[in-house]
Amino acid sequence: MLRKRPLLCFKVGRVDEMNLLKRFTARLKHYLWLVLALPAALAVIGFLVPVGSMPSSYQAQATVQLGNYEDPIFNETNQVMLMLANAPFYQQQLPQLWAQNEQELLSEVEIRDLNNRLIQLRYRAASKEEAKNGAQAITDAFLNADRQHYERRKRLIDQTLSQLEKEKTPASDSAARTRFFYKLQSLKLTMRPAQQLEQVSSSGASVTTLSSKKRAVLGAVIGMTLVLLAAALPEFIRKMTRWELNNDGCGTRLQHSDFGNHTDVLLGKTVQQTIQSVRAQTWPYWELIIVDDASSDRTRAMLREAAKEDARIRPIFLEENHGAAFARNTALDHAKGRYVAFLDSDDCWKPRKLENQLHFMEMHQYAFTFTGYELMDAEGHLLNKIVSAPKRVTYKRMLKNTIVGCLTVMIDRKQTGAFRMPNLRSRQDLATWLSLLKTGLVAYGMDEVLAEYRISGKTSLSGNKWKAAKKTWFVYRNVERLPLIPSCWYFVHYAAHALMKRMIST
């Protein structure tokens, strides 16, 4: 995906060399009265102010026995769970429900594996009736789709049996024909469609309330967190945006300027490096789909030229800028391969990236893998700073640490089934990984540096970091629908890991 990005130039001055931790401690001592007063004040407010019950939520559930007619999409538990956790099923089978509740429908649905081809479908809503109707509608839609596939399979077997009965088979083939005939009859006898085992039931309202003591503790924790953030953020913002300290200790932001047409020159240069890193792969069987998200004519001409030089390169040109999610989904729709990987227009792969990662996945039969990556500056010079890949990342670990770099991911769509990225302006990759991991998949890390991540221009501004933090919080609360306290817990871990990653990259 190609996106325009303004080229910013900063005049760098002499920076105060005072240790960051010492400045942080000094700031806390300077505002000691606030350190003590704010948590205490919020604790008192939390204890005294009456808080009513939060709106109730109801949950309805249905248990479904999956069918048995040799259809992997509808008969295998992991494939069914993946199908019911993604938008295409609801867009096709429940268009009215999808149109009414497009933004929140997926987050209200939960699918659980009960083993032995049993799944439990749960649906949350504001009222008991709405929850039961929603759960029943989704169950009926799945059963109807399953019944259609079952009937199609059954008709095919009946037609084959009828044809075998009419055909005259040579004596030499009679035994094989008879075995095949009885095998089909046996399969027909054991075939069955999916069925709902019990009526939809709803649980009582889950009312979330906090006692006065708990509200007081929560107020004190929030107050202390705000104090620590107020003391720490100015120092990290100073570091991330390259503030210059004058002798009087005041911060002065350095001037920046937009270089206009030079944006396309820089962009074109990085795109060429990115394409070349793919063409240099030791694994030759790849297809490079480049989605141009309404960039300049100069960039488009360069992409057309690259496609002429290498038939494996397929550029797709969008007339309007739709954002990263739309561009990546467009690429996913056009991708023909079993394995898919992602690469932004200013990052690069090491030559053995595809070969080594494919071998790693096929050797262990992994569906979702990622690797370590190395940081480079705007000019493509490696900084000898590496972000390593942990051995495995589960759903909860991903919530705590967004360690998976999009440029290192490779997914086996034969195992995961078709998937799409949610229509978010940013952090759509995080939401996608969480959606896949939530089905029970595990992301396995390959402890090998196989990609190069360009940090200049997209991670150097504090505004981008702040926006990323806000978007991560949005994913917690609005996409994953996590309650407030677990969201705070995961966000604290995320912030700590983000700061550590920032220290590595500076």
Protein backbone atom coordinates (compact mmCIF):
# COMPACT_ATOMS: atom_id res chain seq x y z
CA MET A 1 0.00 0.00 0.00
CA LEU A 2 1.25 3.43 -0.92
CA ARG A 3 0.33 6.53 1.01
CA LYS A 4 1.51 10.10 0.80
CA ARG A 5 3.48 11.18 3.81
CA PRO A 6 4.84 14.74 4.35
CA LEU A 7 8.59 15.03 4.58
CA LEU A 8 9.52 16.86 7.78
CA CYS A 9 12.93 18.44 8.32
CA PHE A 10 14.10 19.31 11.85
CA LYS A 11 16.97 21.59 12.86
CA VAL A 12 18.65 19.73 15.68
CA GLY A 13 20.30 21.73 18.47
CA ARG A 14 22.33 20.84 21.56
CA VAL A 15 20.23 18.63 23.86
CA ASP A 16 20.51 18.63 27.63
CA GLU A 17 22.27 15.43 28.68
CA MET A 18 20.62 15.14 32.10
CA ASN A 19 19.61 11.58 32.81
CA LEU A 20 15.95 10.92 32.01
CA LEU A 21 15.27 9.17 35.32
CA LYS A 22 16.79 12.03 37.30
CA ARG A 23 14.61 14.57 35.49
CA PHE A 24 11.56 12.41 36.15
CA THR A 25 12.41 12.19 39.88
CA ALA A 26 13.05 15.92 40.08
CA ARG A 27 9.68 16.65 38.50
CA LEU A 28 7.92 14.39 41.03
CA LYS A 29 9.63 16.16 43.94
CA HIS A 30 8.76 19.56 42.50
CA TYR A 31 5.07 18.63 42.36
CA LEU A 32 5.01 16.60 45.57
CA TRP A 33 1.83 18.35 46.71
CA LEU A 34 0.07 17.15 43.55
CA VAL A 35 1.46 13.62 43.98
CA LEU A 36 -0.21 13.45 47.39
CA ALA A 37 -3.31 15.55 46.78
CA LEU A 38 -4.70 14.20 43.50
CA PRO A 39 -4.92 10.49 44.47
CA ALA A 40 -6.35 11.42 47.86
CA ALA A 41 -8.92 13.75 46.31
CA LEU A 42 -10.06 11.19 43.76
CA ALA A 43 -10.23 8.51 46.46
CA VAL A 44 -12.51 10.73 48.58
CA ILE A 45 -14.67 11.58 45.57
CA GLY A 46 -14.96 7.90 44.66
CA PHE A 47 -15.95 7.01 48.21
CA LEU A 48 -18.53 9.78 48.70
CA VAL A 49 -20.17 10.29 45.33
CA PRO A 50 -23.05 7.85 44.79
CA VAL A 51 -22.82 5.91 41.57
CA GLY A 52 -25.85 4.19 40.10
CA SER A 53 -25.79 0.82 38.48
CA MET A 54 -24.39 0.62 35.00
CA PRO A 55 -26.75 -0.41 32.20
CA SER A 56 -27.56 -4.10 32.27
CA SER A 57 -26.51 -6.48 29.54
CA TYR A 58 -28.08 -9.81 28.68
CA GLN A 59 -26.54 -12.83 27.05
CA ALA A 60 -28.30 -15.57 25.10
CA GLN A 61 -26.69 -18.80 24.00
CA ALA A 62 -27.40 -21.67 21.64
CA THR A 63 -25.63 -25.03 21.28
CA VAL A 64 -25.11 -26.43 17.80
CA GLN A 65 -23.95 -29.89 16.73
CA LEU A 66 -21.94 -29.51 13.53
CA GLY A 67 -22.82 -31.63 10.54
CA ASN A 68 -20.90 -34.56 9.08
CA TYR A 69 -20.79 -34.63 5.28
CA GLU A 70 -17.09 -34.02 4.52
CA ASP A 71 -17.30 -30.25 4.04
CA PRO A 72 -14.34 -28.64 5.90
CA ILE A 73 -15.90 -25.17 5.94
CA PHE A 74 -19.08 -26.28 7.73
CA ASN A 75 -17.94 -29.49 9.45
CA GLU A 76 -14.65 -28.44 11.10
CA THR A 77 -14.95 -26.53 14.36
CA ASN A 78 -12.10 -24.06 13.82
CA GLN A 79 -13.36 -23.14 10.33
CA VAL A 80 -16.91 -22.57 11.59
CA MET A 81 -15.66 -20.42 14.49
CA LEU A 82 -13.59 -18.34 12.10
CA MET A 83 -16.52 -17.94 9.70
CA LEU A 84 -18.89 -16.80 12.46
CA ALA A 85 -16.30 -14.33 13.79
CA ASN A 86 -15.96 -12.40 10.52
CA ALA A 87 -18.16 -9.96 8.63
CA PRO A 88 -18.76 -11.78 5.28
CA PHE A 89 -21.06 -14.38 6.90
CA TYR A 90 -23.35 -11.71 8.36
CA GLN A 91 -23.26 -9.57 5.23
CA GLN A 92 -24.43 -12.53 3.13
CA GLN A 93 -26.73 -14.42 5.52
CA LEU A 94 -28.06 -11.63 7.79
CA PRO A 95 -27.92 -8.39 5.77
CA GLN A 96 -30.67 -6.69 7.79
CA LEU A 97 -29.08 -7.44 11.16
CA TRP A 98 -25.69 -6.38 9.78
CA ALA A 99 -27.10 -3.09 8.46
CA GLN A 100 -28.71 -2.29 11.82
CA ASN A 101 -25.69 -3.09 13.97
CA GLU A 102 -22.69 -3.04 11.64
CA GLN A 103 -20.24 -1.41 14.05
CA GLU A 104 -20.85 -3.64 17.09
CA LEU A 105 -22.27 -6.92 15.81
CA LEU A 106 -18.98 -8.85 15.68
CA SER A 107 -18.00 -7.73 19.17
CA GLU A 108 -21.36 -8.93 20.56
CA VAL A 109 -20.93 -12.46 19.18
CA GLU A 110 -18.80 -15.07 20.96
CA ILE A 111 -18.20 -18.61 19.69
CA ARG A 112 -16.90 -21.35 21.98
CA ASP A 113 -15.61 -24.82 21.16
CA LEU A 114 -17.25 -27.47 23.37
CA ASN A 115 -15.34 -30.37 21.70
CA ASN A 116 -16.84 -33.31 19.78
CA ARG A 117 -18.09 -31.03 16.98
CA LEU A 118 -20.13 -28.96 19.42
CA ILE A 119 -20.04 -25.18 19.43
CA GLN A 120 -21.79 -22.68 21.65
CA LEU A 121 -22.93 -19.39 20.13
CA ARG A 122 -23.37 -16.47 22.52
CA TYR A 123 -24.89 -13.08 21.76
CA ARG A 124 -25.01 -10.01 24.02
CA ALA A 125 -27.64 -7.26 23.88
CA ALA A 126 -29.24 -4.58 26.03
CA SER A 127 -32.49 -6.53 26.55
CA LYS A 128 -33.24 -10.20 27.14
CA GLU A 129 -35.57 -10.43 24.15
CA GLU A 130 -33.08 -8.77 21.83
CA ALA A 131 -30.33 -11.14 22.98
CA LYS A 132 -32.49 -14.24 22.40
CA ASN A 133 -33.71 -13.04 19.00
CA GLY A 134 -30.17 -12.19 17.90
CA ALA A 135 -28.75 -15.55 19.00
CA GLN A 136 -31.60 -17.43 17.30
CA ALA A 137 -31.25 -15.41 14.09
CA ILE A 138 -27.53 -16.14 13.83
CA THR A 139 -28.09 -19.82 14.64
CA ASP A 140 -30.87 -20.12 12.04
CA ALA A 141 -28.72 -18.39 9.42
CA PHE A 142 -25.88 -20.84 10.01
CA LEU A 143 -28.20 -23.86 9.98
CA ASN A 144 -29.82 -22.69 6.72
CA ALA A 145 -26.44 -22.22 5.05
CA ASP A 146 -25.32 -25.61 6.38
CA ARG A 147 -28.51 -27.27 5.12
CA GLN A 148 -27.91 -25.89 1.61
CA HIS A 149 -24.39 -27.34 1.53
CA TYR A 150 -25.67 -30.64 2.92
CA GLU A 151 -28.45 -30.94 0.32
CA ARG A 152 -26.02 -30.10 -2.48
CA ARG A 153 -23.66 -32.83 -1.27
CA LYS A 154 -26.51 -35.32 -0.92
CA ARG A 155 -27.81 -34.63 -4.44
CA LEU A 156 -24.35 -35.18 -5.85
CA ILE A 157 -24.06 -38.57 -4.14
CA ASP A 158 -27.57 -39.59 -5.29
CA GLN A 159 -26.76 -38.66 -8.86
CA THR A 160 -23.52 -40.63 -8.72
CA LEU A 161 -25.25 -43.71 -7.28
CA SER A 162 -27.97 -43.53 -9.92
CA GLN A 163 -25.42 -43.28 -12.68
CA LEU A 164 -23.45 -46.22 -11.31
CA GLU A 165 -26.59 -48.39 -11.26
CA LYS A 166 -27.32 -47.60 -14.91
CA GLU A 167 -23.80 -48.03 -16.24
CA LYS A 168 -22.60 -51.34 -17.58
CA THR A 169 -19.18 -52.03 -16.15
CA PRO A 170 -16.65 -54.45 -17.64
CA ALA A 171 -16.02 -57.53 -15.54
CA SER A 172 -12.47 -56.39 -14.81
CA ASP A 173 -13.78 -53.22 -13.14
CA SER A 174 -16.75 -54.80 -11.43
CA ALA A 175 -15.08 -55.26 -8.03
CA ALA A 176 -13.78 -51.69 -7.89
CA ARG A 177 -17.16 -50.34 -8.99
CA THR A 178 -18.94 -52.37 -6.31
CA ARG A 179 -16.59 -51.14 -3.59
CA PHE A 180 -17.05 -47.53 -4.69
CA PHE A 181 -20.82 -48.00 -4.87
CA TYR A 182 -21.08 -49.33 -1.30
CA LYS A 183 -18.67 -46.66 -0.06
CA LEU A 184 -20.98 -43.96 -1.39
CA GLN A 185 -24.00 -45.67 0.14
CA SER A 186 -22.23 -45.90 3.49
CA LEU A 187 -21.29 -42.23 3.29
CA LYS A 188 -24.88 -41.32 2.48
CA LEU A 189 -26.14 -43.22 5.53
CA THR A 190 -23.72 -41.46 7.90
CA MET A 191 -24.23 -37.97 6.50
CA ARG A 192 -26.13 -35.49 8.63
CA PRO A 193 -26.53 -31.70 8.64
CA ALA A 194 -25.86 -29.42 11.59
CA GLN A 195 -28.60 -29.17 14.18
CA GLN A 196 -29.50 -27.05 17.16
CA LEU A 197 -29.46 -29.21 20.29
CA GLU A 198 -31.51 -26.99 22.58
CA GLN A 199 -33.58 -23.85 22.55
CA VAL A 200 -31.86 -20.51 22.97
CA SER A 201 -31.51 -19.65 26.65
CA SER A 202 -30.64 -16.30 28.19
CA SER A 203 -28.73 -15.53 31.35
CA GLY A 204 -29.78 -12.95 33.91
CA ALA A 205 -28.71 -9.36 33.72
CA SER A 206 -25.09 -8.72 34.61
CA VAL A 207 -25.16 -5.45 36.53
CA THR A 208 -21.77 -3.92 37.15
CA THR A 209 -21.53 -2.00 40.42
CA LEU A 210 -18.64 -0.96 42.61
CA SER A 211 -18.72 -0.56 46.37
CA SER A 212 -17.61 2.68 48.00
CA LYS A 213 -14.28 1.15 49.04
CA LYS A 214 -13.59 -0.16 45.55
CA ARG A 215 -14.44 3.22 44.05
CA ALA A 216 -12.05 4.86 46.52
CA VAL A 217 -9.23 2.47 45.60
CA LEU A 218 -9.93 2.96 41.90
CA GLY A 219 -9.89 6.73 42.36
CA ALA A 220 -6.53 6.59 44.14
CA VAL A 221 -5.06 4.35 41.42
CA ILE A 222 -6.32 6.67 38.68
CA GLY A 223 -4.95 9.68 40.52
CA MET A 224 -1.50 8.11 40.95
CA THR A 225 -1.50 7.06 37.29
CA LEU A 226 -2.33 10.59 36.17
CA VAL A 227 0.43 12.00 38.36
CA LEU A 228 3.01 9.59 36.96
CA LEU A 229 1.90 10.30 33.40
CA ALA A 230 2.04 14.04 34.02
CA ALA A 231 5.60 13.68 35.28
CA ALA A 232 6.80 11.23 32.63
CA LEU A 233 5.11 12.36 29.42
CA PRO A 234 6.84 15.76 29.09
CA GLU A 235 10.25 14.09 29.29
CA PHE A 236 9.41 11.39 26.76
CA ILE A 237 7.71 13.88 24.46
CA ARG A 238 10.81 16.02 24.71
CA LYS A 239 12.90 13.00 23.70
CA MET A 240 10.63 11.76 20.92
CA THR A 241 10.06 15.09 19.18
CA ARG A 242 13.65 16.32 19.64
CA TRP A 243 13.00 19.36 21.76
CA GLU A 244 15.94 21.68 22.34
CA LEU A 245 16.65 22.86 25.90
CA ASN A 246 17.74 26.43 26.44
CA ASN A 247 19.88 27.50 29.39
CA ASP A 248 16.80 28.62 31.31
CA GLY A 249 15.42 25.08 31.15
CA CYS A 250 12.46 25.92 28.93
CA GLY A 251 11.58 23.63 26.04
CA THR A 252 11.39 25.14 22.56
CA ARG A 253 9.99 23.07 19.73
CA LEU A 254 12.16 23.13 16.65
CA GLN A 255 10.85 24.47 13.38
CA HIS A 256 9.79 22.13 10.61
CA SER A 257 8.84 22.67 7.00
CA ASP A 258 6.95 20.79 4.28
CA PHE A 259 9.05 20.14 1.20
CA GLY A 260 6.05 19.68 -1.13
CA ASN A 261 7.06 17.71 -4.22
CA HIS A 262 10.05 16.15 -2.46
CA THR A 263 7.53 13.89 -0.69
CA ASP A 264 7.05 11.89 -3.87
CA VAL A 265 10.80 11.65 -4.46
CA LEU A 266 11.32 10.16 -1.00
CA LEU A 267 8.27 7.96 -1.36
CA GLY A 268 9.33 6.69 -4.76
CA LYS A 269 12.78 5.87 -3.46
CA THR A 270 11.47 3.82 -0.55
CA VAL A 271 8.94 2.02 -2.74
CA GLN A 272 11.70 0.98 -5.13
CA GLN A 273 13.74 -0.36 -2.20
CA THR A 274 10.69 -2.25 -0.93
CA ILE A 275 9.96 -3.82 -4.31
CA GLN A 276 13.61 -4.73 -4.78
CA SER A 277 13.67 -6.47 -1.39
CA VAL A 278 10.80 -8.68 -2.57
CA ARG A 279 12.38 -9.38 -5.96
CA ALA A 280 15.60 -10.38 -4.17
CA GLN A 281 13.87 -13.21 -2.29
CA THR A 282 15.54 -16.61 -2.54
CA TRP A 283 12.05 -18.16 -2.71
CA PRO A 284 10.93 -17.35 -6.27
CA TYR A 285 7.27 -18.39 -6.13
CA TRP A 286 5.58 -15.24 -4.93
CA GLU A 287 3.03 -12.70 -6.14
CA LEU A 288 3.46 -9.05 -5.13
CA ILE A 289 0.14 -7.18 -5.01
CA ILE A 290 0.73 -3.43 -4.58
CA VAL A 291 -2.35 -1.39 -3.71
CA ASP A 292 -1.73 2.25 -4.60
CA ASP A 293 -3.99 4.27 -2.30
CA ALA A 294 -4.39 7.31 -4.59
CA SER A 295 -0.75 8.41 -4.70
CA SER A 296 0.87 10.66 -7.33
CA ASP A 297 1.14 10.02 -11.07
CA ARG A 298 4.91 9.72 -10.68
CA THR A 299 4.58 6.84 -8.26
CA ARG A 300 2.01 5.11 -10.45
CA ALA A 301 4.29 5.34 -13.47
CA MET A 302 7.08 3.77 -11.43
CA LEU A 303 4.78 0.91 -10.37
CA ARG A 304 3.66 0.26 -13.94
CA GLU A 305 7.29 0.11 -15.00
CA ALA A 306 8.06 -2.37 -12.22
CA ALA A 307 5.13 -4.55 -13.34
CA LYS A 308 6.49 -4.59 -16.90
CA GLU A 309 9.89 -5.75 -15.63
CA ASP A 310 8.48 -8.55 -13.46
CA ALA A 311 5.18 -10.31 -14.21
CA ARG A 312 4.87 -11.36 -10.55
CA ILE A 313 4.17 -7.71 -9.60
CA ARG A 314 0.50 -6.70 -9.79
CA PRO A 315 -0.28 -3.05 -9.02
CA ILE A 316 -3.87 -2.07 -8.18
CA PHE A 317 -4.68 1.64 -8.43
CA LEU A 318 -7.37 3.22 -6.25
CA GLU A 319 -8.85 6.52 -7.39
CA GLU A 320 -9.56 7.76 -3.85
CA ASN A 321 -7.65 7.41 -0.60
CA HIS A 322 -9.51 4.91 1.60
CA GLY A 323 -6.88 4.13 4.25
CA ALA A 324 -4.73 1.15 5.16
CA ALA A 325 -7.56 -1.26 6.02
CA PHE A 326 -9.31 -0.84 2.67
CA ALA A 327 -6.03 -1.16 0.78
CA ARG A 328 -4.99 -4.32 2.61
CA ASN A 329 -8.43 -5.88 2.17
CA THR A 330 -8.28 -5.08 -1.54
CA ALA A 331 -4.97 -6.92 -1.71
CA LEU A 332 -6.41 -9.87 0.25
CA ASP A 333 -9.35 -10.07 -2.17
CA HIS A 334 -6.97 -10.28 -5.15
CA ALA A 335 -4.43 -12.63 -3.55
CA LYS A 336 -4.44 -16.12 -5.03
CA GLY A 337 -1.88 -17.85 -2.81
CA ARG A 338 -2.36 -20.01 0.26
CA TYR A 339 0.08 -17.94 2.31
CA VAL A 340 -0.21 -14.16 2.68
CA ALA A 341 2.29 -11.64 4.06
CA PHE A 342 2.18 -7.86 4.45
CA LEU A 343 4.71 -5.15 3.66
CA ASP A 344 4.28 -1.36 3.78
CA SER A 345 5.79 0.84 1.11
CA ASP A 346 8.77 2.00 3.19
CA ASP A 347 9.84 -1.29 4.82
CA CYS A 348 11.98 -4.12 3.44
CA TRP A 349 12.48 -7.87 3.73
CA LYS A 350 15.73 -9.76 4.12
CA PRO A 351 16.49 -12.01 1.10
CA ARG A 352 15.63 -15.28 2.89
CA LYS A 353 12.47 -14.00 4.56
CA LEU A 354 9.91 -15.95 2.54
CA GLU A 355 11.96 -19.13 2.20
CA ASN A 356 12.87 -19.44 5.89
CA GLN A 357 9.44 -18.47 7.18
CA LEU A 358 7.64 -20.85 4.82
CA HIS A 359 9.93 -23.69 5.92
CA PHE A 360 9.25 -22.79 9.56
CA MET A 361 5.47 -22.87 9.02
CA GLU A 362 5.38 -26.06 6.99
CA MET A 363 7.73 -27.90 9.34
CA HIS A 364 5.51 -27.19 12.38
CA GLN A 365 2.14 -26.81 10.58
CA TYR A 366 1.68 -23.33 12.03
CA ALA A 367 -1.15 -21.11 10.75
CA PHE A 368 0.10 -17.73 12.05
CA THR A 369 3.78 -16.77 12.37
CA PHE A 370 5.92 -13.67 12.66
CA THR A 371 9.64 -12.90 12.91
CA GLY A 372 12.08 -10.45 14.44
CA TYR A 373 12.97 -7.29 12.59
CA GLU A 374 15.73 -4.69 12.47
CA LEU A 375 15.38 -0.90 12.56
CA MET A 376 16.70 1.40 9.85
CA ASP A 377 16.68 5.17 9.39
CA ALA A 378 15.08 7.25 6.63
CA GLU A 379 17.98 6.64 4.26
CA GLY A 380 17.86 2.87 4.73
CA HIS A 381 20.92 2.63 6.99
CA LEU A 382 20.60 -0.18 9.53
CA LEU A 383 20.80 1.03 13.14
CA ASN A 384 21.93 -2.28 14.70
CA LYS A 385 18.79 -2.27 16.84
CA ILE A 386 16.65 -5.39 16.79
CA VAL A 387 13.12 -6.19 17.95
CA SER A 388 13.14 -9.90 18.74
CA ALA A 389 10.18 -12.24 18.32
CA PRO A 390 8.93 -14.20 21.37
CA LYS A 391 8.27 -17.90 20.87
CA ARG A 392 4.49 -17.65 21.04
CA VAL A 393 1.84 -14.97 21.46
CA THR A 394 -1.67 -15.75 22.67
CA TYR A 395 -4.73 -13.50 22.68
CA LYS A 396 -4.09 -12.16 26.20
CA ARG A 397 -0.38 -11.66 25.57
CA MET A 398 -1.15 -9.69 22.43
CA LEU A 399 -3.40 -7.39 24.47
CA LYS A 400 -0.47 -6.67 26.79
CA ASN A 401 2.22 -6.31 24.16
CA THR A 402 1.62 -5.51 20.50
CA ILE A 403 4.94 -7.11 19.62
CA VAL A 404 3.87 -8.60 16.28
CA GLY A 405 5.23 -6.45 13.45
CA CYS A 406 2.88 -6.37 10.47
CA LEU A 407 5.81 -6.52 8.04
CA THR A 408 6.88 -9.89 9.53
CA VAL A 409 3.52 -11.68 9.62
CA MET A 410 2.72 -14.68 7.42
CA ILE A 411 -0.65 -16.45 7.57
CA ASP A 412 -1.77 -19.78 6.13
CA ARG A 413 -5.27 -19.10 4.82
CA LYS A 414 -5.90 -22.80 4.31
CA GLN A 415 -5.86 -23.19 8.10
CA THR A 416 -7.38 -19.87 9.16
CA GLY A 417 -9.87 -19.49 6.35
CA ALA A 418 -10.55 -16.19 4.65
CA PHE A 419 -10.15 -13.13 6.86
CA ARG A 420 -10.34 -9.37 6.47
CA MET A 421 -9.09 -6.36 8.37
CA PRO A 422 -11.66 -4.18 10.20
CA ASN A 423 -12.33 -0.79 8.67
CA LEU A 424 -10.27 1.28 11.11
CA ARG A 425 -8.06 4.19 10.06
CA SER A 426 -5.20 2.75 12.10
CA ARG A 427 -4.38 -0.26 14.32
CA GLN A 428 -6.42 -2.42 11.96
CA ASP A 429 -3.53 -4.89 11.96
CA LEU A 430 -3.73 -5.25 15.77
CA ALA A 431 -7.50 -5.76 15.57
CA THR A 432 -6.95 -8.43 12.90
CA TRP A 433 -4.36 -10.35 14.91
CA LEU A 434 -6.63 -10.23 17.97
CA SER A 435 -9.56 -11.49 15.89
CA LEU A 436 -7.52 -14.47 14.69
CA LEU A 437 -6.03 -15.23 18.12
CA LYS A 438 -9.43 -14.99 19.77
CA THR A 439 -10.51 -18.11 17.86
CA GLY A 440 -7.85 -20.12 19.68
CA LEU A 441 -4.98 -19.68 17.26
CA VAL A 442 -1.48 -18.94 18.56
CA ALA A 443 1.01 -16.68 16.79
CA TYR A 444 4.40 -18.39 16.74
CA GLY A 445 7.52 -16.27 16.65
CA MET A 446 10.54 -17.17 14.55
CA ASP A 447 13.65 -15.98 16.35
CA GLU A 448 15.35 -14.71 13.23
CA VAL A 449 15.67 -11.15 11.92
CA LEU A 450 14.03 -11.26 8.49
CA ALA A 451 12.70 -7.72 7.96
CA GLU A 452 13.79 -4.09 8.15
CA TYR A 453 11.48 -1.45 9.64
CA ARG A 454 11.98 2.21 8.72
CA ILE A 455 11.46 4.38 11.79
CA SER A 456 11.90 7.90 10.39
CA GLY A 457 8.78 9.69 9.32
CA LYS A 458 6.26 7.34 10.86
CA THR A 459 7.31 6.87 14.47
CA SER A 460 9.39 9.92 15.32
CA LEU A 461 6.56 12.31 16.14
CA SER A 462 4.92 12.22 19.56
CA GLY A 463 1.55 12.88 17.94
CA ASN A 464 1.75 9.57 16.10
CA LYS A 465 2.63 7.75 19.32
CA TRP A 466 -0.24 9.42 21.13
CA LYS A 467 -2.64 8.55 18.30
CA ALA A 468 -1.43 4.94 18.35
CA ALA A 469 -2.09 4.77 22.10
CA LYS A 470 -5.59 6.20 21.63
CA LYS A 471 -6.31 3.75 18.83
CA THR A 472 -5.08 0.86 20.97
CA TRP A 473 -7.44 1.96 23.73
CA PHE A 474 -10.22 2.17 21.11
CA VAL A 475 -9.50 -1.44 20.09
CA TYR A 476 -9.68 -2.57 23.74
CA ARG A 477 -12.98 -0.84 24.47
CA ASN A 478 -14.86 -0.71 21.16
CA VAL A 479 -13.55 -3.65 19.13
CA GLU A 480 -12.73 -6.22 21.83
CA ARG A 481 -15.38 -4.79 24.19
CA LEU A 482 -13.20 -5.21 27.27
CA PRO A 483 -14.50 -3.82 30.58
CA LEU A 484 -12.84 -0.70 31.99
CA ILE A 485 -10.58 -2.29 34.62
CA PRO A 486 -9.17 -5.06 32.34
CA SER A 487 -8.67 -2.41 29.65
CA CYS A 488 -6.64 -0.30 32.08
CA TRP A 489 -4.63 -3.37 33.11
CA TYR A 490 -3.75 -4.28 29.54
CA PHE A 491 -3.10 -0.65 28.59
CA VAL A 492 -0.55 -0.20 31.38
CA HIS A 493 1.36 -3.21 30.03
CA TYR A 494 1.03 -1.89 26.48
CA ALA A 495 2.38 1.54 27.51
CA ALA A 496 5.34 0.01 29.35
CA HIS A 497 6.27 -2.17 26.37
CA ALA A 498 5.80 0.78 23.98
CA LEU A 499 8.19 2.92 26.03
CA MET A 500 10.77 0.12 26.10
CA LYS A 501 10.44 -0.27 22.33
CA ARG A 502 10.82 3.49 21.96
CA MET A 503 14.04 3.42 23.98
CA ILE A 504 15.39 0.70 21.69
CA SER A 505 14.62 2.75 18.57
CA THR A 506 16.19 6.04 19.75
